[in-house]
C-alpha atoms as a PDB file:
ATOM      1  CA  MET A   1       0.000   0.000   0.000  1.00  0.00           C
ATOM      2  CA  ILE A   2       1.025   3.605  -0.534  1.00  0.00           C
ATOM      3  CA  TYR A   3       0.423   5.788   2.520  1.00  0.00           C
ATOM      4  CA  LEU A   4       0.518   9.580   2.194  1.00  0.00           C
ATOM      5  CA  ILE A   5       1.097  11.257   5.555  1.00  0.00           C
ATOM      6  CA  ARG A   6       1.166  14.891   6.597  1.00  0.00           C
ATOM      7  CA  HIS A   7       3.993  15.876   8.932  1.00  0.00           C
ATOM      8  CA  ALA A   8       3.338  16.298  12.662  1.00  0.00           C
ATOM      9  CA  GLN A   9       2.691  19.653  14.343  1.00  0.00           C
ATOM     10  CA  SER A  10       5.414  22.132  13.455  1.00  0.00           C
ATOM     11  CA  MET A  11       6.555  25.415  14.940  1.00  0.00           C
ATOM     12  CA  ALA A  12       4.843  27.240  12.060  1.00  0.00           C
ATOM     13  CA  ASN A  13       1.560  25.521  12.940  1.00  0.00           C
ATOM     14  CA  VAL A  14       1.636  27.213  16.362  1.00  0.00           C
ATOM     15  CA  ASN A  15       2.517  30.678  15.011  1.00  0.00           C
ATOM     16  CA  ALA A  16       6.186  30.564  16.051  1.00  0.00           C
ATOM     17  CA  ARG A  17       8.794  32.632  14.227  1.00  0.00           C
ATOM     18  CA  CYS A  18      10.358  30.726  11.337  1.00  0.00           C
ATOM     19  CA  THR A  19      13.596  31.460   9.533  1.00  0.00           C
ATOM     20  CA  SER A  20      12.932  29.478   6.336  1.00  0.00           C
ATOM     21  CA  HIS A  21      10.321  27.176   4.825  1.00  0.00           C
ATOM     22  CA  ALA A  22      12.730  24.229   4.840  1.00  0.00           C
ATOM     23  CA  SER A  23      14.079  24.556   8.393  1.00  0.00           C
ATOM     24  CA  ILE A  24      10.780  24.587  10.318  1.00  0.00           C
ATOM     25  CA  ALA A  25      11.040  21.988  13.103  1.00  0.00           C
ATOM     26  CA  LEU A  26       8.415  20.015  14.987  1.00  0.00           C
ATOM     27  CA  THR A  27       7.033  21.150  18.329  1.00  0.00           C
ATOM     28  CA  GLU A  28       7.276  18.900  21.400  1.00  0.00           C
ATOM     29  CA  HIS A  29       3.683  17.854  20.692  1.00  0.00           C
ATOM     30  CA  GLY A  30       4.668  17.139  17.090  1.00  0.00           C
ATOM     31  CA  ILE A  31       7.477  14.858  18.252  1.00  0.00           C
ATOM     32  CA  LEU A  32       4.931  12.900  20.314  1.00  0.00           C
ATOM     33  CA  GLN A  33       2.570  12.739  17.330  1.00  0.00           C
ATOM     34  CA  ALA A  34       5.397  11.331  15.194  1.00  0.00           C
ATOM     35  CA  GLU A  35       6.082   8.637  17.782  1.00  0.00           C
ATOM     36  CA  GLN A  36       2.368   7.753  17.880  1.00  0.00           C
ATOM     37  CA  LEU A  37       2.378   7.185  14.120  1.00  0.00           C
ATOM     38  CA  THR A  38       4.507   4.073  14.675  1.00  0.00           C
ATOM     39  CA  GLN A  39       1.502   2.540  16.442  1.00  0.00           C
ATOM     40  CA  GLN A  40      -0.862   3.443  13.585  1.00  0.00           C
ATOM     41  CA  LEU A  41       1.178   2.602  10.498  1.00  0.00           C
ATOM     42  CA  PRO A  42       2.266  -0.879   9.409  1.00  0.00           C
ATOM     43  CA  LEU A  43       5.879  -1.832   8.772  1.00  0.00           C
ATOM     44  CA  ALA A  44       7.368   0.173   5.930  1.00  0.00           C
ATOM     45  CA  ASP A  45       9.416  -1.202   3.059  1.00  0.00           C
ATOM     46  CA  ARG A  46      10.342   2.210   1.687  1.00  0.00           C
ATOM     47  CA  VAL A  47       9.990   5.821   2.877  1.00  0.00           C
ATOM     48  CA  PHE A  48       9.847   9.075   0.926  1.00  0.00           C
ATOM     49  CA  ILE A  49      10.283  12.428   2.667  1.00  0.00           C
ATOM     50  CA  SER A  50      10.448  15.992   1.379  1.00  0.00           C
ATOM     51  CA  PRO A  51      13.629  18.087   1.620  1.00  0.00           C
ATOM     52  CA  PHE A  52      12.011  19.940   4.558  1.00  0.00           C
ATOM     53  CA  LEU A  53      13.155  19.111   8.100  1.00  0.00           C
ATOM     54  CA  ARG A  54       9.680  18.509   9.549  1.00  0.00           C
ATOM     55  CA  THR A  55       9.011  15.522   7.279  1.00  0.00           C
ATOM     56  CA  PHE A  56      12.263  13.874   8.343  1.00  0.00           C
ATOM     57  CA  GLN A  57      11.455  14.520  12.005  1.00  0.00           C
ATOM     58  CA  THR A  58       7.978  13.037  11.529  1.00  0.00           C
ATOM     59  CA  ALA A  59       9.323   9.964   9.730  1.00  0.00           C
ATOM     60  CA  ARG A  60      12.235   9.420  12.131  1.00  0.00           C
ATOM     61  CA  PRO A  61      10.493   7.145  14.688  1.00  0.00           C
ATOM     62  CA  LEU A  62       9.180   4.955  11.866  1.00  0.00           C
ATOM     63  CA  LEU A  63      12.595   4.910  10.169  1.00  0.00           C
ATOM     64  CA  LEU A  64      14.190   3.778  13.434  1.00  0.00           C
ATOM     65  CA  ARG A  65      11.487   1.179  14.027  1.00  0.00           C
ATOM     66  CA  ASP A  66      11.771  -0.286  10.528  1.00  0.00           C
ATOM     67  CA  HIS A  67      15.559   0.173  10.085  1.00  0.00           C
ATOM     68  CA  LEU A  68      15.212   2.242   6.913  1.00  0.00           C
ATOM     69  CA  GLN A  69      16.833   5.267   5.321  1.00  0.00           C
ATOM     70  CA  PRO A  70      14.498   7.813   3.723  1.00  0.00           C
ATOM     71  CA  GLU A  71      14.583   8.894   0.098  1.00  0.00           C
ATOM     72  CA  VAL A  72      14.266  12.650  -0.388  1.00  0.00           C
ATOM     73  CA  VAL A  73      11.869  13.552  -3.203  1.00  0.00           C
ATOM     74  CA  GLU A  74      10.344  16.831  -4.424  1.00  0.00           C
ATOM     75  CA  ILE A  75       7.172  16.661  -2.318  1.00  0.00           C
ATOM     76  CA  GLN A  76       7.895  19.740  -0.228  1.00  0.00           C
ATOM     77  CA  GLU A  77       5.316  22.319   0.740  1.00  0.00           C
ATOM     78  CA  PHE A  78       4.042  24.890  -1.734  1.00  0.00           C
ATOM     79  CA  SER A  79       6.315  27.877  -1.103  1.00  0.00           C
ATOM     80  CA  TYR A  80       4.338  30.586  -2.857  1.00  0.00           C
ATOM     81  CA  LEU A  81       5.851  33.370  -0.744  1.00  0.00           C
ATOM     82  CA  SER A  82       9.494  34.343  -0.903  1.00  0.00           C
ATOM     83  CA  ASP A  83      11.635  32.743   1.790  1.00  0.00           C
ATOM     84  CA  ALA A  84      13.473  36.057   2.145  1.00  0.00           C
ATOM     85  CA  LYS A  85      10.210  37.949   2.693  1.00  0.00           C
ATOM     86  CA  CYS A  86       9.060  35.388   5.280  1.00  0.00           C
ATOM     87  CA  HIS A  87      12.349  35.189   7.184  1.00  0.00           C
ATOM     88  CA  ASN A  88      11.808  35.348  10.959  1.00  0.00           C
ATOM     89  CA  THR A  89       8.048  35.930  10.701  1.00  0.00           C
ATOM     90  CA  THR A  90       4.937  34.363  12.227  1.00  0.00           C
ATOM     91  CA  ILE A  91       1.738  33.235  10.507  1.00  0.00           C
ATOM     92  CA  GLU A  92       0.047  36.432  11.653  1.00  0.00           C
ATOM     93  CA  GLU A  93       2.816  38.591  10.219  1.00  0.00           C
ATOM     94  CA  ARG A  94       2.654  36.736   6.885  1.00  0.00           C
ATOM     95  CA  LYS A  95      -1.143  36.980   6.647  1.00  0.00           C
ATOM     96  CA  PRO A  96      -1.233  40.206   4.548  1.00  0.00           C
ATOM     97  CA  PHE A  97       1.172  38.619   2.016  1.00  0.00           C
ATOM     98  CA  VAL A  98      -0.890  35.415   1.995  1.00  0.00           C
ATOM     99  CA  ASP A  99      -4.167  37.276   1.469  1.00  0.00           C
ATOM    100  CA  ARG A 100      -2.683  39.330  -1.390  1.00  0.00           C
ATOM    101  CA  TYR A 101      -1.342  36.202  -3.077  1.00  0.00           C
ATOM    102  CA  TRP A 102      -4.676  34.364  -3.015  1.00  0.00           C
ATOM    103  CA  ALA A 103      -6.710  37.455  -3.962  1.00  0.00           C
ATOM    104  CA  GLN A 104      -4.809  37.559  -7.284  1.00  0.00           C
ATOM    105  CA  ALA A 105      -5.764  33.967  -8.191  1.00  0.00           C
ATOM    106  CA  ASN A 106      -3.098  33.966 -10.892  1.00  0.00           C
ATOM    107  CA  PRO A 107      -1.559  30.509 -11.518  1.00  0.00           C
ATOM    108  CA  ASP A 108       1.508  32.103 -13.115  1.00  0.00           C
ATOM    109  CA  TYR A 109       2.243  34.707 -10.438  1.00  0.00           C
ATOM    110  CA  LYS A 110       5.580  34.256  -8.679  1.00  0.00           C
ATOM    111  CA  ASP A 111       6.246  36.253  -5.506  1.00  0.00           C
ATOM    112  CA  ALA A 112      10.021  36.199  -6.114  1.00  0.00           C
ATOM    113  CA  GLU A 113      12.745  34.043  -7.650  1.00  0.00           C
ATOM    114  CA  ASP A 114      12.868  31.890  -4.501  1.00  0.00           C
ATOM    115  CA  ALA A 115       9.101  31.267  -4.621  1.00  0.00           C
ATOM    116  CA  GLU A 116       6.968  28.889  -6.682  1.00  0.00           C
ATOM    117  CA  SER A 117       4.001  29.722  -8.904  1.00  0.00           C
ATOM    118  CA  PHE A 118       0.800  27.713  -8.534  1.00  0.00           C
ATOM    119  CA  ARG A 119       1.397  26.357 -12.049  1.00  0.00           C
ATOM    120  CA  GLU A 120       4.855  25.079 -11.055  1.00  0.00           C
ATOM    121  CA  PHE A 121       3.407  23.566  -7.890  1.00  0.00           C
ATOM    122  CA  TYR A 122       0.580  21.915  -9.850  1.00  0.00           C
ATOM    123  CA  HIS A 123       3.037  20.301 -12.268  1.00  0.00           C
ATOM    124  CA  ARG A 124       5.252  19.128  -9.402  1.00  0.00           C
ATOM    125  CA  VAL A 125       2.256  17.377  -7.806  1.00  0.00           C
ATOM    126  CA  VAL A 126       1.160  15.889 -11.162  1.00  0.00           C
ATOM    127  CA  ASP A 127       4.698  14.565 -11.705  1.00  0.00           C
ATOM    128  CA  PHE A 128       4.677  12.914  -8.292  1.00  0.00           C
ATOM    129  CA  ALA A 129       1.219  11.402  -8.876  1.00  0.00           C
ATOM    130  CA  GLN A 130       2.607   9.862 -12.079  1.00  0.00           C
ATOM    131  CA  ILE A 131       5.548   8.425 -10.141  1.00  0.00           C
ATOM    132  CA  LEU A 132       3.157   6.851  -7.634  1.00  0.00           C
ATOM    133  CA  ASN A 133       0.970   5.502 -10.440  1.00  0.00           C
ATOM    134  CA  GLY A 134       4.044   3.720 -11.778  1.00  0.00           C
ATOM    135  CA  LEU A 135       4.746   2.242  -8.324  1.00  0.00           C
ATOM    136  CA  LYS A 136       1.208   1.102  -7.425  1.00  0.00           C
ATOM    137  CA  ASP A 137       1.576  -2.492  -8.613  1.00  0.00           C
ATOM    138  CA  HIS A 138       4.811  -2.908  -6.671  1.00  0.00           C
ATOM    139  CA  TYR A 139       3.144  -1.756  -3.458  1.00  0.00           C
ATOM    140  CA  LEU A 140       0.198  -4.139  -3.464  1.00  0.00           C
ATOM    141  CA  THR A 141       2.000  -6.353  -0.944  1.00  0.00           C
ATOM    142  CA  GLN A 142       4.601  -3.902   0.402  1.00  0.00           C
ATOM    143  CA  ASN A 143       4.268  -0.519   2.086  1.00  0.00           C
ATOM    144  CA  LEU A 144       5.554   2.823   0.834  1.00  0.00           C
ATOM    145  CA  MET A 145       5.274   5.696   3.326  1.00  0.00           C
ATOM    146  CA  VAL A 146       5.248   9.214   1.870  1.00  0.00           C
ATOM    147  CA  PHE A 147       5.774  11.999   4.422  1.00  0.00           C
ATOM    148  CA  SER A 148       4.723  15.317   2.942  1.00  0.00           C
ATOM    149  CA  HIS A 149       2.848  18.542   3.680  1.00  0.00           C
ATOM    150  CA  GLY A 150      -0.705  19.820   3.984  1.00  0.00           C
ATOM    151  CA  GLN A 151      -0.834  21.910   0.823  1.00  0.00           C
ATOM    152  CA  PHE A 152       0.969  19.273  -1.236  1.00  0.00           C
ATOM    153  CA  LEU A 153      -1.397  16.534  -0.060  1.00  0.00           C
ATOM    154  CA  THR A 154      -4.469  18.715  -0.566  1.00  0.00           C
ATOM    155  CA  LEU A 155      -3.552  19.409  -4.185  1.00  0.00           C
ATOM    156  CA  PHE A 156      -2.586  15.751  -4.637  1.00  0.00           C
ATOM    157  CA  LYS A 157      -6.123  14.739  -3.598  1.00  0.00           C
ATOM    158  CA  LEU A 158      -7.702  17.295  -5.949  1.00  0.00           C
ATOM    159  CA  ILE A 159      -5.624  15.985  -8.856  1.00  0.00           C
ATOM    160  CA  ALA A 160      -5.531  12.235  -8.147  1.00  0.00           C
ATOM    161  CA  PHE A 161      -9.023  11.686  -6.735  1.00  0.00           C
ATOM    162  CA  GLU A 162     -11.053  14.543  -8.232  1.00  0.00           C
ATOM    163  CA  HIS A 163      -9.158  14.860 -11.550  1.00  0.00           C
ATOM    164  CA  GLN A 164      -8.950  18.649 -11.353  1.00  0.00           C
ATOM    165  CA  ALA A 165      -7.126  20.410 -14.174  1.00  0.00           C
ATOM    166  CA  LEU A 166      -5.040  23.532 -13.678  1.00  0.00           C
ATOM    167  CA  SER A 167      -7.291  26.599 -13.674  1.00  0.00           C
ATOM    168  CA  ILE A 168      -8.213  29.662 -11.668  1.00  0.00           C
ATOM    169  CA  ASP A 169     -11.209  27.654 -10.431  1.00  0.00           C
ATOM    170  CA  LEU A 170      -8.819  25.018  -9.090  1.00  0.00           C
ATOM    171  CA  MET A 171      -6.882  27.715  -7.235  1.00  0.00           C
ATOM    172  CA  HIS A 172     -10.130  28.814  -5.568  1.00  0.00           C
ATOM    173  CA  LYS A 173     -11.093  25.199  -4.728  1.00  0.00           C
ATOM    174  CA  PHE A 174      -7.639  24.523  -3.364  1.00  0.00           C
ATOM    175  CA  ARG A 175      -7.668  27.611  -1.151  1.00  0.00           C
ATOM    176  CA  ASP A 176     -11.180  26.817   0.082  1.00  0.00           C
ATOM    177  CA  ARG A 177     -10.097  23.266   0.949  1.00  0.00           C
ATOM    178  CA  MET A 178      -7.039  24.563   2.788  1.00  0.00           C
ATOM    179  CA  LEU A 179      -9.169  26.929   4.860  1.00  0.00           C
ATOM    180  CA  HIS A 180     -12.156  24.675   5.549  1.00  0.00           C
ATOM    181  CA  ASP A 181     -11.025  21.051   5.213  1.00  0.00           C
ATOM    182  CA  PRO A 182      -7.238  20.910   5.584  1.00  0.00           C
ATOM    183  CA  VAL A 183      -5.232  17.709   5.920  1.00  0.00           C
ATOM    184  CA  LYS A 184      -4.452  17.638   9.644  1.00  0.00           C
ATOM    185  CA  ASN A 185      -1.050  16.998  11.205  1.00  0.00           C
ATOM    186  CA  THR A 186      -0.194  13.267  10.998  1.00  0.00           C
ATOM    187  CA  GLU A 187      -3.395  12.571   9.048  1.00  0.00           C
ATOM    188  CA  PHE A 188      -2.810   9.927   6.414  1.00  0.00           C
ATOM    189  CA  PHE A 189      -4.636   8.234   3.570  1.00  0.00           C
ATOM    190  CA  ILE A 190      -3.973   5.331   1.235  1.00  0.00           C
ATOM    191  CA  TYR A 191      -3.444   5.850  -2.490  1.00  0.00           C
ATOM    192  CA  SER A 192      -4.432   2.756  -4.438  1.00  0.00           C
END
């Protein structure tokens, strides 16, 4: 089976100051959540994580339990705001930037060179869905654990399960889902 798992509670999730998208660590509660995942998930044969620290920290107890090394793949969070602009800020401080970004609803808009457009993000998720489609048969009797992020997994669901094409409408649906039905910390689902 292929399990897609959102990382545990991170410092950004509790409105702490963050220096970069990639370096956000888990909270103490998040570390406990990660340990609890080992009681909920079966033995893993392979583990994918994103390049972001919080997915490694979430996967770590399972990696130790199952004696595995993770593979880093491009399943990191959607970084639509510039890392430089967000340096040492809280969620509340970023809110005006976030609201401006989503009000534009422009799939091609890029906040800065170190940010990602929605179109780029969409294609990154599509590419990963295609990778998983190619692996499905192999994981009928083995387990692949994919530790990723809330926005990535939300768009993955919209593409893989609801067959949504890239559009302004999809941007609105995606944002609505993120606000009203987000993938929760350590929530997981099976892709088959």
